[in-house]
């Protein structure tokens, strides 16, 4: 069967392979991120199945997917096959469980559903869009009472996230060496923050903004916008390097959480971002902000560092699917903007303005939309994980349970 995995790998690298698939139905539209996982290009069940009104039960080695009015699709986990009725059919890649999340091969949406249920679904390759067609005689489906406190994506209602657009007002951030004329870091972070706000709201998540205009917010007060009602703090920034040989060739993205810097580069980023304090009015407290004691004085009281690290991992993973730069991974540093956070908090460096290609990428509307959608998807993934760890259940979320086959 090794040739099947070779085909899967080639498909995963195909230039036409979409990064996002749109599921369109009479209920609305949902954008599902296409992930690179072992076995090829994959779709996460928690994102895909609510859009299809589907449920899944993992029974032994099989994942059984039920769609309204359709036969059960059975996927043999780890093997490139699926079954409908008594027929077993090949797939380019297997359904798998990765990091406690069930993934289906992209082929399930692009080929399997349109072929098996050709009167119900149509897939358009050019737009990466699966459309649920109107039914003349729709099947009678038993209506199951759903938890009104749950959203279609499986999240409970009421989640709130604080989004922070880095810099602003008299603090321009970095000058944006390869940005269009007149554009500074503060302008790009504000644009990205507004897009992220809209993407989170589309996913049913409430948003608190530290700023929505070109104004200066005191650095140490930003995390305070994430009050008792808020569950996480996300600060958006643009990276840059000082002029030196090779600096303009560096491009990529990284996400930070609060801890003592372990590398010289992390310390450089912390110093660069913390310099924003010099745009604020001096007072007795700000006179002491340069010391490590100030940056980390509440570290032992912050019980959310592990959660912050996990959120940062998910941000990096989702951004990797849409970003053209290198994934520099999760890092830690004494970032003043995160110091007062009492919730999971991360700072995302979306790319380098000192790289010409990335300067264009960071200021292109389509790229900005893709990045905002990826960060929003990371937030949803984190919240779903947290709810599962906390023992939350949902009738409207994809039902993933383990049962013993009789």
Protein backbone atom coordinates (compact mmCIF):
# COMPACT_ATOMS: atom_id res chain seq x y z
CA UNK A 1 0.00 0.00 0.00
CA UNK A 2 3.07 2.29 0.06
CA UNK A 3 2.22 3.70 -3.37
CA UNK A 4 -0.98 5.14 -1.96
CA UNK A 5 0.95 7.13 0.64
CA UNK A 6 3.29 8.32 -2.11
CA UNK A 7 0.29 9.63 -4.05
CA UNK A 8 -0.93 11.27 -0.83
CA UNK A 9 2.41 13.03 -0.36
CA UNK A 10 2.39 14.28 -3.94
CA UNK A 11 -1.16 15.59 -3.55
CA UNK A 12 -0.15 17.39 -0.35
CA UNK A 13 2.55 19.24 -2.30
CA UNK A 14 0.41 20.02 -5.33
CA UNK A 15 0.46 23.77 -6.07
CA UNK A 16 -3.29 23.81 -6.69
CA UNK A 17 -4.14 22.26 -3.35
CA UNK A 18 -6.38 24.71 -1.46
CA UNK A 19 -5.52 26.12 1.94
CA UNK A 20 -9.18 26.71 2.82
CA UNK A 21 -12.36 24.94 1.68
CA UNK A 22 -15.73 26.69 1.79
CA UNK A 23 -18.81 24.63 2.71
CA UNK A 24 -21.95 26.36 1.37
CA UNK A 25 -25.42 25.24 2.43
CA UNK A 26 -28.86 26.78 3.01
CA UNK A 27 -27.70 27.29 6.59
CA UNK A 28 -24.85 29.58 5.55
CA UNK A 29 -21.17 29.24 4.75
CA UNK A 30 -18.26 27.85 6.72
CA UNK A 31 -14.56 28.10 5.91
CA UNK A 32 -12.57 25.01 6.88
CA UNK A 33 -8.78 25.15 7.06
CA UNK A 34 -6.90 22.47 5.13
CA UNK A 35 -4.13 21.12 7.35
CA UNK A 36 -0.91 19.30 6.52
CA UNK A 37 -0.99 16.16 8.64
CA UNK A 38 0.60 12.69 8.38
CA UNK A 39 -1.11 11.16 5.36
CA UNK A 40 -1.59 14.36 3.36
CA UNK A 41 -3.93 17.35 3.26
CA UNK A 42 -6.58 16.97 5.94
CA UNK A 43 -9.72 18.58 7.38
CA UNK A 44 -10.35 18.58 11.13
CA UNK A 45 -13.63 16.93 12.13
CA UNK A 46 -14.53 19.65 14.70
CA UNK A 47 -14.47 22.23 11.90
CA UNK A 48 -15.92 20.16 9.04
CA UNK A 49 -18.77 18.15 10.51
CA UNK A 50 -20.86 21.01 11.96
CA UNK A 51 -20.96 22.57 8.48
CA UNK A 52 -22.28 19.26 7.11
CA UNK A 53 -24.62 18.67 10.08
CA UNK A 54 -22.74 15.46 10.63
CA UNK A 55 -21.76 13.41 13.66
CA UNK A 56 -18.98 10.89 14.18
CA UNK A 57 -18.46 7.93 16.48
CA UNK A 58 -15.09 6.22 16.79
CA UNK A 59 -15.81 2.53 17.24
CA UNK A 60 -12.74 0.32 17.49
CA UNK A 61 -10.56 1.00 14.45
CA UNK A 62 -13.34 2.74 12.51
CA UNK A 63 -14.65 6.31 12.48
CA UNK A 64 -18.32 6.27 11.49
CA UNK A 65 -19.66 9.51 10.00
CA UNK A 66 -23.39 10.09 9.77
CA UNK A 67 -24.85 12.84 7.58
CA UNK A 68 -28.58 13.69 7.57
CA UNK A 69 -30.47 11.50 5.12
CA UNK A 70 -27.36 9.61 3.96
CA UNK A 71 -25.70 6.26 4.52
CA UNK A 72 -22.98 5.98 7.12
CA UNK A 73 -19.44 6.62 5.87
CA UNK A 74 -16.93 4.40 7.68
CA UNK A 75 -13.22 5.28 7.70
CA UNK A 76 -10.60 2.76 8.77
CA UNK A 77 -8.30 4.85 10.96
CA UNK A 78 -4.73 4.91 9.70
CA UNK A 79 -5.57 3.14 6.44
CA UNK A 80 -6.40 4.80 3.07
CA UNK A 81 -9.86 3.24 2.69
CA UNK A 82 -13.48 4.03 3.51
CA UNK A 83 -16.69 2.05 3.29
CA UNK A 84 -20.26 2.88 2.36
CA UNK A 85 -22.71 0.05 2.80
CA UNK A 86 -20.86 -3.17 1.97
CA UNK A 87 -18.37 -1.56 -0.43
CA UNK A 88 -14.83 -0.72 0.61
CA UNK A 89 -13.22 1.99 -1.52
CA UNK A 90 -9.67 3.40 -1.71
CA UNK A 91 -8.55 6.86 -0.57
CA UNK A 92 -5.40 8.80 -1.37
CA UNK A 93 -4.74 9.12 2.37
CA UNK A 94 -6.14 7.79 5.65
CA UNK A 95 -8.40 9.31 8.26
CA UNK A 96 -6.30 9.75 11.40
CA UNK A 97 -6.45 10.94 14.97
CA UNK A 98 -3.74 13.51 15.70
CA UNK A 99 -3.40 15.32 19.05
CA UNK A 100 -6.84 14.01 20.13
CA UNK A 101 -8.44 15.47 16.98
CA UNK A 102 -9.96 13.40 14.18
CA UNK A 103 -8.88 14.39 10.65
CA UNK A 104 -10.40 13.39 7.31
CA UNK A 105 -8.51 13.48 4.00
CA UNK A 106 -9.33 16.48 1.80
CA UNK A 107 -10.52 13.97 -0.81
CA UNK A 108 -13.61 13.29 1.35
CA UNK A 109 -14.91 16.75 0.44
CA UNK A 110 -13.46 17.18 -3.05
CA UNK A 111 -14.33 13.73 -4.44
CA UNK A 112 -16.12 11.33 -2.10
CA UNK A 113 -19.15 13.41 -1.17
CA UNK A 114 -19.77 14.78 -4.70
CA UNK A 115 -19.45 11.22 -6.11
CA UNK A 116 -21.42 9.19 -3.59
CA UNK A 117 -24.03 11.91 -2.95
CA UNK A 118 -23.94 13.50 -6.41
CA UNK A 119 -27.49 14.77 -6.19
CA UNK A 120 -26.74 16.55 -2.98
CA UNK A 121 -23.22 17.96 -3.19
CA UNK A 122 -21.18 19.65 -5.91
CA UNK A 123 -17.52 20.62 -5.57
CA UNK A 124 -15.98 23.46 -7.59
CA UNK A 125 -12.21 23.10 -7.91
CA UNK A 126 -11.57 26.69 -9.01
CA UNK A 127 -13.18 28.18 -5.90
CA UNK A 128 -12.48 25.28 -3.48
CA UNK A 129 -16.17 25.26 -2.65
CA UNK A 130 -18.48 22.38 -1.69
CA UNK A 131 -22.10 23.37 -2.27
CA UNK A 132 -25.07 21.54 -0.77
CA UNK A 133 -27.71 21.49 -3.50
CA UNK A 134 -31.41 22.17 -2.82
CA UNK A 135 -33.44 18.98 -2.48
CA UNK A 136 -36.80 18.63 -4.26
CA UNK A 137 -37.92 16.01 -1.79
CA UNK A 138 -35.64 16.45 1.18
CA UNK A 139 -35.37 13.39 3.41
CA UNK A 140 -37.28 13.37 6.65
CA UNK A 141 -34.69 13.61 9.38
CA UNK A 142 -35.38 13.23 13.04
CA UNK A 143 -34.85 16.55 14.80
CA UNK A 144 -32.56 16.20 17.77
CA UNK A 145 -32.83 18.82 20.47
CA UNK A 146 -29.60 20.83 20.54
CA UNK A 147 -28.10 22.76 23.37
CA UNK A 148 -29.08 26.40 22.80
CA UNK A 149 -25.89 27.42 24.57
CA UNK A 150 -23.77 25.86 21.80
CA UNK A 151 -22.66 27.32 18.48
CA UNK A 152 -22.61 25.38 15.17
CA UNK A 153 -18.82 25.00 15.50
CA UNK A 154 -19.31 23.17 18.81
CA UNK A 155 -18.22 25.97 21.13
CA UNK A 156 -20.35 26.97 24.03
CA UNK A 157 -21.72 30.47 23.73
CA UNK A 158 -20.23 33.39 25.60
CA UNK A 159 -16.50 33.12 24.86
CA UNK A 160 -14.73 36.50 24.81
CA UNK A 161 -11.26 37.31 23.46
CA UNK A 162 -9.26 40.55 23.72
CA UNK A 163 -7.46 41.57 20.52
CA UNK A 164 -4.60 44.04 20.80
CA UNK A 165 -3.31 45.97 17.79
CA UNK A 166 0.33 46.66 18.61
CA UNK A 167 1.63 50.25 18.91
CA UNK A 168 -0.52 53.21 17.75
CA UNK A 169 -0.71 56.99 17.99
CA UNK A 170 2.69 58.58 18.58
CA UNK A 171 4.21 55.08 18.68
CA UNK A 172 4.50 54.00 15.02
CA UNK A 173 6.15 50.67 15.75
CA UNK A 174 8.80 49.75 13.23
CA UNK A 175 8.97 51.93 10.11
CA UNK A 176 8.01 49.17 7.69
CA UNK A 177 11.04 49.27 5.43
CA UNK A 178 9.27 47.37 2.65
CA UNK A 179 5.73 48.55 3.31
CA UNK A 180 4.00 50.93 0.86
CA UNK A 181 4.92 54.58 1.38
CA UNK A 182 3.41 56.05 4.55
CA UNK A 183 2.46 52.66 6.07
CA UNK A 184 3.94 51.82 9.47
CA UNK A 185 3.67 48.80 11.76
CA UNK A 186 0.87 50.45 13.75
CA UNK A 187 -1.28 50.67 10.59
CA UNK A 188 -0.82 47.01 9.64
CA UNK A 189 -1.46 45.72 13.17
CA UNK A 190 -4.65 47.77 13.39
CA UNK A 191 -5.87 46.42 10.06
CA UNK A 192 -5.07 42.87 11.14
CA UNK A 193 -6.74 43.35 14.52
CA UNK A 194 -9.95 44.60 12.91
CA UNK A 195 -9.97 41.64 10.52
CA UNK A 196 -9.35 39.23 13.39
CA UNK A 197 -12.21 40.83 15.31
CA UNK A 198 -14.54 40.22 12.37
CA UNK A 199 -13.37 36.62 11.91
CA UNK A 200 -13.86 35.84 15.61
CA UNK A 201 -17.34 37.34 15.57
CA UNK A 202 -18.19 35.21 12.53
CA UNK A 203 -17.30 32.21 14.67
CA UNK A 204 -19.59 33.38 17.48
CA UNK A 205 -16.85 34.70 19.78
CA UNK A 206 -17.15 38.04 21.55
CA UNK A 207 -14.29 40.50 21.11
CA UNK A 208 -12.81 43.30 23.21
CA UNK A 209 -10.45 45.62 21.32
CA UNK A 210 -7.66 47.55 22.99
CA UNK A 211 -7.90 50.06 20.14
CA UNK A 212 -9.92 50.49 16.94
CA UNK A 213 -8.30 53.77 15.85
CA UNK A 214 -4.80 55.21 15.58
CA UNK A 215 -4.32 55.95 19.26
CA UNK A 216 -1.75 55.09 21.93
CA UNK A 217 -2.71 52.62 24.66
CA UNK A 218 -0.35 52.41 27.62
CA UNK A 219 1.68 49.23 27.22
CA UNK A 220 1.12 47.88 30.72
CA UNK A 221 -2.63 48.54 30.56
CA UNK A 222 -3.34 46.59 27.38
CA UNK A 223 -3.64 43.12 28.95
CA UNK A 224 -5.99 44.65 31.52
CA UNK A 225 -8.64 44.96 28.81
CA UNK A 226 -8.96 41.19 29.21
CA UNK A 227 -11.05 41.40 32.38
CA UNK A 228 -12.99 38.71 34.24
CA UNK A 229 -15.29 38.26 31.22
CA UNK A 230 -12.38 37.63 28.86
CA UNK A 231 -10.67 34.28 28.26
CA UNK A 232 -7.54 35.14 26.32
CA UNK A 233 -5.41 38.03 25.12
CA UNK A 234 -3.91 38.14 21.61
CA UNK A 235 -1.49 40.93 20.69
CA UNK A 236 -0.55 41.41 17.01
CA UNK A 237 2.82 42.81 15.91
CA UNK A 238 5.17 42.99 12.93
CA UNK A 239 8.79 41.92 13.32
CA UNK A 240 11.88 43.66 11.94
CA UNK A 241 15.64 43.30 12.03
CA UNK A 242 18.34 45.98 12.36
CA UNK A 243 20.38 46.63 9.24
CA UNK A 244 23.04 43.97 8.92
CA UNK A 245 24.23 41.58 6.21
CA UNK A 246 21.49 39.13 5.31
CA UNK A 247 18.77 40.84 7.41
CA UNK A 248 16.52 41.46 4.43
CA UNK A 249 16.48 37.75 3.58
CA UNK A 250 14.86 36.70 6.87
CA UNK A 251 11.11 36.07 6.68
CA UNK A 252 8.72 34.15 8.87
CA UNK A 253 6.36 34.23 11.85
CA UNK A 254 6.58 33.36 15.54
CA UNK A 255 4.37 33.49 18.61
CA UNK A 256 5.50 34.44 22.13
CA UNK A 257 4.23 33.81 25.63
CA UNK A 258 5.52 35.38 28.83
CA UNK A 259 8.63 33.86 30.39
CA UNK A 260 12.31 34.67 30.61
CA UNK A 261 13.86 34.79 27.15
CA UNK A 262 15.92 31.70 26.31
CA UNK A 263 17.56 32.94 23.12
CA UNK A 264 19.31 36.07 21.97
CA UNK A 265 16.69 36.60 19.27
CA UNK A 266 13.82 36.34 21.77
CA UNK A 267 15.55 38.90 23.98
CA UNK A 268 15.92 41.16 20.93
CA UNK A 269 12.19 40.97 20.20
CA UNK A 270 11.32 41.68 23.84
CA UNK A 271 13.61 44.71 23.90
CA UNK A 272 12.14 45.98 20.62
CA UNK A 273 8.53 45.61 21.76
CA UNK A 274 9.15 46.91 25.29
CA UNK A 275 10.71 50.11 23.92
CA UNK A 276 7.17 51.31 23.22
CA UNK A 277 7.02 52.35 26.87
CA UNK A 278 9.18 55.36 26.02
CA UNK A 279 6.24 56.91 24.16
CA UNK A 280 4.23 56.97 27.38
CA UNK A 281 4.27 59.64 30.07
CA UNK A 282 6.93 59.01 32.68
CA UNK A 283 5.89 58.18 36.21
CA UNK A 284 7.46 56.43 39.17
CA UNK A 285 6.45 52.98 37.96
CA UNK A 286 7.58 53.42 34.39
CA UNK A 287 10.97 54.55 35.60
CA UNK A 288 11.57 50.96 36.73
CA UNK A 289 10.35 49.14 33.64
CA UNK A 290 13.78 48.21 32.31
CA UNK A 291 14.52 45.71 35.07
CA UNK A 292 13.82 42.00 34.66
CA UNK A 293 12.23 42.02 38.10
CA UNK A 294 9.47 44.26 36.77
CA UNK A 295 8.89 42.14 33.71
CA UNK A 296 8.63 38.90 35.65
CA UNK A 297 7.50 40.02 39.09
CA UNK A 298 4.11 38.34 38.72
CA UNK A 299 5.33 35.28 36.88
CA UNK A 300 4.75 32.89 39.75
CA UNK A 301 1.24 34.25 40.18
CA UNK A 302 0.35 33.72 36.53
CA UNK A 303 -1.17 30.25 36.38
CA UNK A 304 -1.94 30.54 32.68
CA UNK A 305 1.54 30.13 31.22
CA UNK A 306 0.99 26.51 30.16
CA UNK A 307 -2.27 27.47 28.49
CA UNK A 308 -0.52 30.41 26.82
CA UNK A 309 2.11 28.06 25.43
CA UNK A 310 -0.56 25.76 23.99
CA UNK A 311 -2.43 28.69 22.43
CA UNK A 312 0.86 29.84 20.88
CA UNK A 313 1.42 26.35 19.41
CA UNK A 314 -2.01 26.39 17.80
CA UNK A 315 -1.49 29.88 16.38
CA UNK A 316 1.77 28.74 14.78
CA UNK A 317 0.18 25.57 13.42
CA UNK A 318 -2.74 27.39 11.80
CA UNK A 319 -0.66 30.26 10.46
CA UNK A 320 1.68 27.76 8.82
CA UNK A 321 -1.15 26.75 6.49
CA UNK A 322 -1.53 30.23 4.98
CA UNK A 323 1.80 31.98 5.55
CA UNK A 324 4.54 32.07 2.91
CA UNK A 325 7.38 32.56 5.41
CA UNK A 326 9.20 30.19 7.74
CA UNK A 327 7.58 28.88 10.90
CA UNK A 328 9.99 30.02 13.63
CA UNK A 329 7.89 28.31 16.29
CA UNK A 330 6.81 29.21 19.81
CA UNK A 331 9.14 31.38 21.86
CA UNK A 332 9.15 32.98 25.28
CA UNK A 333 10.29 36.41 26.37
CA UNK A 334 9.74 39.06 29.03
CA UNK A 335 7.17 41.02 27.05
CA UNK A 336 5.73 43.88 29.04
CA UNK A 337 2.42 43.82 27.16
CA UNK A 338 1.78 40.31 28.50
CA UNK A 339 3.04 40.92 32.02
CA UNK A 340 -0.28 41.89 33.57
CA UNK A 341 -2.35 39.21 31.82
CA UNK A 342 -4.43 37.01 34.09
CA UNK A 343 -5.58 34.83 31.24
CA UNK A 344 -3.76 32.90 28.50
CA UNK A 345 -1.90 35.58 26.54
CA UNK A 346 0.26 35.54 23.41
CA UNK A 347 2.05 38.02 21.18
CA UNK A 348 2.11 37.12 17.48
CA UNK A 349 4.89 38.44 15.25
CA UNK A 350 3.14 38.10 11.88
CA UNK A 351 6.22 38.60 9.69
CA UNK A 352 9.19 40.80 8.91
CA UNK A 353 8.75 44.24 7.41
CA UNK A 354 12.49 44.17 6.64
CA UNK A 355 11.97 41.48 3.98
CA UNK A 356 10.68 42.75 0.60
CA UNK A 357 8.47 39.73 -0.19
CA UNK A 358 7.06 39.62 3.32
CA UNK A 359 6.49 43.38 3.31
CA UNK A 360 4.18 42.86 0.33
CA UNK A 361 2.58 39.78 1.90
CA UNK A 362 1.78 41.60 5.15
CA UNK A 363 0.07 44.49 3.33
CA UNK A 364 -1.88 42.48 0.74
CA UNK A 365 -5.61 42.29 1.62
CA UNK A 366 -6.00 38.62 0.66
CA UNK A 367 -3.01 37.63 2.78
CA UNK A 368 -4.28 39.68 5.70
CA UNK A 369 -7.68 37.96 5.49
CA UNK A 370 -6.03 34.54 5.38
CA UNK A 371 -3.87 35.28 8.42
CA UNK A 372 -6.80 36.68 10.40
CA UNK A 373 -8.85 33.59 9.56
CA UNK A 374 -5.97 31.32 10.60
CA UNK A 375 -5.53 33.03 13.98
CA UNK A 376 -9.31 32.91 14.54
CA UNK A 377 -9.28 29.18 13.75
CA UNK A 378 -6.46 28.72 16.25
CA UNK A 379 -8.56 30.45 18.91
CA UNK A 380 -11.50 28.15 18.17
CA UNK A 381 -9.23 25.08 18.27
CA UNK A 382 -7.82 26.17 21.62
CA UNK A 383 -11.26 26.80 23.13
CA UNK A 384 -12.58 23.44 21.88
CA UNK A 385 -9.54 21.72 23.40
CA UNK A 386 -10.02 23.56 26.66
CA UNK A 387 -13.70 22.63 26.81
CA UNK A 388 -12.85 18.97 26.23
CA UNK A 389 -10.22 19.05 28.96
CA UNK A 390 -12.69 20.71 31.28
CA UNK A 391 -15.19 17.94 30.60
CA UNK A 392 -17.64 20.08 28.60
CA UNK A 393 -20.05 18.22 26.29
CA UNK A 394 -22.15 19.43 23.40
CA UNK A 395 -25.05 18.10 21.39
CA UNK A 396 -24.24 20.42 18.51
CA UNK A 397 -20.51 19.70 18.42
CA UNK A 398 -19.25 16.75 16.36
CA UNK A 399 -19.88 13.77 18.60
CA UNK A 400 -16.63 11.88 18.98
CA UNK A 401 -16.92 8.97 21.33
CA UNK A 402 -15.32 5.56 21.68
CA UNK A 403 -17.60 2.55 21.75
CA UNK A 404 -17.11 -1.21 21.66
CA UNK A 405 -18.55 -2.84 18.55
CA UNK A 406 -21.03 -5.55 19.54
